[in-house]
C-alpha atoms as a PDB file:
ATOM      1  CA  UNK A   1      16.512 -43.006 -21.624  1.00  0.00           C
ATOM      2  CA  UNK A   2      17.498 -40.157 -22.589  1.00  0.00           C
ATOM      3  CA  UNK A   3      16.561 -38.177 -25.492  1.00  0.00           C
ATOM      4  CA  UNK A   4      19.224 -38.080 -28.588  1.00  0.00           C
ATOM      5  CA  UNK A   5      20.153 -34.504 -29.106  1.00  0.00           C
ATOM      6  CA  UNK A   6      21.884 -33.092 -32.439  1.00  0.00           C
ATOM      7  CA  UNK A   7      24.447 -30.215 -31.898  1.00  0.00           C
ATOM      8  CA  UNK A   8      23.567 -27.586 -35.121  1.00  0.00           C
ATOM      9  CA  UNK A   9      24.518 -23.769 -35.680  1.00  0.00           C
ATOM     10  CA  UNK A  10      21.500 -21.832 -36.923  1.00  0.00           C
ATOM     11  CA  UNK A  11      21.488 -17.732 -38.472  1.00  0.00           C
ATOM     12  CA  UNK A  12      18.967 -16.183 -37.014  1.00  0.00           C
ATOM     13  CA  UNK A  13      17.745 -12.621 -37.148  1.00  0.00           C
ATOM     14  CA  UNK A  14      18.788 -10.803 -33.388  1.00  0.00           C
ATOM     15  CA  UNK A  15      15.337 -10.087 -33.302  1.00  0.00           C
ATOM     16  CA  UNK A  16      14.102 -13.482 -33.231  1.00  0.00           C
ATOM     17  CA  UNK A  17      17.105 -14.723 -31.111  1.00  0.00           C
ATOM     18  CA  UNK A  18      16.256 -12.185 -28.218  1.00  0.00           C
ATOM     19  CA  UNK A  19      12.215 -13.011 -28.800  1.00  0.00           C
ATOM     20  CA  UNK A  20      13.469 -16.917 -28.113  1.00  0.00           C
ATOM     21  CA  UNK A  21      15.588 -15.835 -24.818  1.00  0.00           C
ATOM     22  CA  UNK A  22      12.445 -14.008 -23.550  1.00  0.00           C
ATOM     23  CA  UNK A  23      10.851 -17.053 -24.034  1.00  0.00           C
ATOM     24  CA  UNK A  24      13.535 -19.683 -22.667  1.00  0.00           C
ATOM     25  CA  UNK A  25      13.179 -17.126 -19.281  1.00  0.00           C
ATOM     26  CA  UNK A  26       9.298 -16.984 -19.380  1.00  0.00           C
ATOM     27  CA  UNK A  27       9.086 -20.702 -19.326  1.00  0.00           C
ATOM     28  CA  UNK A  28      12.690 -21.286 -16.814  1.00  0.00           C
ATOM     29  CA  UNK A  29      14.179 -23.312 -19.389  1.00  0.00           C
ATOM     30  CA  UNK A  30      17.633 -23.052 -21.803  1.00  0.00           C
ATOM     31  CA  UNK A  31      17.528 -21.575 -24.670  1.00  0.00           C
ATOM     32  CA  UNK A  32      17.046 -24.646 -26.691  1.00  0.00           C
ATOM     33  CA  UNK A  33      14.808 -26.472 -24.731  1.00  0.00           C
ATOM     34  CA  UNK A  34      12.262 -22.864 -25.439  1.00  0.00           C
ATOM     35  CA  UNK A  35      13.185 -23.266 -29.275  1.00  0.00           C
ATOM     36  CA  UNK A  36      12.241 -27.567 -29.055  1.00  0.00           C
ATOM     37  CA  UNK A  37       8.763 -26.649 -27.225  1.00  0.00           C
ATOM     38  CA  UNK A  38       8.461 -23.969 -29.856  1.00  0.00           C
ATOM     39  CA  UNK A  39       8.673 -26.059 -33.007  1.00  0.00           C
ATOM     40  CA  UNK A  40       6.974 -29.063 -30.901  1.00  0.00           C
ATOM     41  CA  UNK A  41       3.507 -26.894 -30.809  1.00  0.00           C
ATOM     42  CA  UNK A  42       3.689 -25.524 -34.285  1.00  0.00           C
ATOM     43  CA  UNK A  43       4.328 -29.229 -35.293  1.00  0.00           C
ATOM     44  CA  UNK A  44       1.691 -30.285 -33.291  1.00  0.00           C
ATOM     45  CA  UNK A  45      -1.140 -28.284 -35.129  1.00  0.00           C
ATOM     46  CA  UNK A  46      -1.738 -26.272 -32.655  1.00  0.00           C
ATOM     47  CA  UNK A  47      -3.593 -22.837 -33.427  1.00  0.00           C
ATOM     48  CA  UNK A  48      -3.660 -19.700 -31.514  1.00  0.00           C
ATOM     49  CA  UNK A  49      -6.007 -19.502 -29.112  1.00  0.00           C
ATOM     50  CA  UNK A  50      -9.394 -17.405 -28.587  1.00  0.00           C
ATOM     51  CA  UNK A  51      -7.551 -14.981 -26.055  1.00  0.00           C
ATOM     52  CA  UNK A  52      -4.779 -14.615 -29.085  1.00  0.00           C
ATOM     53  CA  UNK A  53      -7.881 -13.742 -31.962  1.00  0.00           C
ATOM     54  CA  UNK A  54      -9.694 -12.040 -29.743  1.00  0.00           C
ATOM     55  CA  UNK A  55      -6.917  -9.395 -29.043  1.00  0.00           C
ATOM     56  CA  UNK A  56      -6.304  -9.086 -33.046  1.00  0.00           C
ATOM     57  CA  UNK A  57     -10.265  -8.803 -33.207  1.00  0.00           C
ATOM     58  CA  UNK A  58      -9.860  -5.883 -30.400  1.00  0.00           C
ATOM     59  CA  UNK A  59      -6.996  -4.146 -32.085  1.00  0.00           C
ATOM     60  CA  UNK A  60      -8.189  -4.092 -35.528  1.00  0.00           C
ATOM     61  CA  UNK A  61     -11.570  -2.770 -34.559  1.00  0.00           C
ATOM     62  CA  UNK A  62      -9.696   0.500 -32.359  1.00  0.00           C
ATOM     63  CA  UNK A  63      -7.399   1.113 -35.680  1.00  0.00           C
ATOM     64  CA  UNK A  64      -5.112   1.694 -33.321  1.00  0.00           C
ATOM     65  CA  UNK A  65      -1.819   2.940 -35.025  1.00  0.00           C
ATOM     66  CA  UNK A  66       1.307   2.340 -33.820  1.00  0.00           C
ATOM     67  CA  UNK A  67       2.275   6.257 -32.043  1.00  0.00           C
ATOM     68  CA  UNK A  68      -1.061   5.625 -30.167  1.00  0.00           C
ATOM     69  CA  UNK A  69      -0.218   1.759 -29.059  1.00  0.00           C
ATOM     70  CA  UNK A  70       2.976   3.355 -28.025  1.00  0.00           C
ATOM     71  CA  UNK A  71       1.351   5.832 -25.841  1.00  0.00           C
ATOM     72  CA  UNK A  72      -1.408   3.518 -24.291  1.00  0.00           C
ATOM     73  CA  UNK A  73       1.925   0.501 -23.704  1.00  0.00           C
ATOM     74  CA  UNK A  74       3.254   3.743 -21.886  1.00  0.00           C
ATOM     75  CA  UNK A  75       0.395   4.743 -20.141  1.00  0.00           C
ATOM     76  CA  UNK A  76      -0.380   1.396 -18.831  1.00  0.00           C
ATOM     77  CA  UNK A  77       3.245   0.876 -17.674  1.00  0.00           C
ATOM     78  CA  UNK A  78       3.138   4.258 -15.727  1.00  0.00           C
ATOM     79  CA  UNK A  79       0.458   2.966 -13.607  1.00  0.00           C
ATOM     80  CA  UNK A  80       1.567  -0.049 -12.942  1.00  0.00           C
ATOM     81  CA  UNK A  81       5.073   1.323 -11.773  1.00  0.00           C
ATOM     82  CA  UNK A  82       2.904   4.051  -9.484  1.00  0.00           C
ATOM     83  CA  UNK A  83       1.172   0.764  -8.128  1.00  0.00           C
ATOM     84  CA  UNK A  84       4.625  -1.149  -7.105  1.00  0.00           C
ATOM     85  CA  UNK A  85       6.324   1.441  -5.699  1.00  0.00           C
ATOM     86  CA  UNK A  86       3.486   2.809  -3.180  1.00  0.00           C
ATOM     87  CA  UNK A  87       1.781   5.718  -5.786  1.00  0.00           C
ATOM     88  CA  UNK A  88      -1.650   6.374  -5.190  1.00  0.00           C
ATOM     89  CA  UNK A  89      -4.665   3.671  -5.493  1.00  0.00           C
ATOM     90  CA  UNK A  90      -6.384   2.978  -8.239  1.00  0.00           C
ATOM     91  CA  UNK A  91      -9.717   5.225  -8.706  1.00  0.00           C
ATOM     92  CA  UNK A  92     -13.022   4.052  -7.576  1.00  0.00           C
ATOM     93  CA  UNK A  93     -15.122   3.484 -10.563  1.00  0.00           C
ATOM     94  CA  UNK A  94     -18.448   3.193  -7.975  1.00  0.00           C
ATOM     95  CA  UNK A  95     -19.752   6.206  -6.527  1.00  0.00           C
ATOM     96  CA  UNK A  96     -19.462   6.544  -2.842  1.00  0.00           C
ATOM     97  CA  UNK A  97     -21.673   8.641  -0.577  1.00  0.00           C
ATOM     98  CA  UNK A  98     -20.457  10.820   1.778  1.00  0.00           C
ATOM     99  CA  UNK A  99     -21.342  10.246   5.577  1.00  0.00           C
ATOM    100  CA  UNK A 100     -21.107  13.277   7.456  1.00  0.00           C
END
């Protein structure tokens, strides 16, 4: 049996709609379905995951300001792009012995 639907209109901030679109894209569903899932997760009383709590604790511990965070994000993006287009391999972190 189909779930009854009600068409409605909301006025949302542009940032919220953009976030909803990203969420819908990530889940591979419509904007409406993403909204249904998001509301259901909050209504079910889901709490932030341990991973999110750990991330927030790390961010607080490093006391990274907005400019530093943007610089770090750009560096990570550059590294990922370099790997995707056949850039240099990642730096090896173990000592290697030279064999002659």
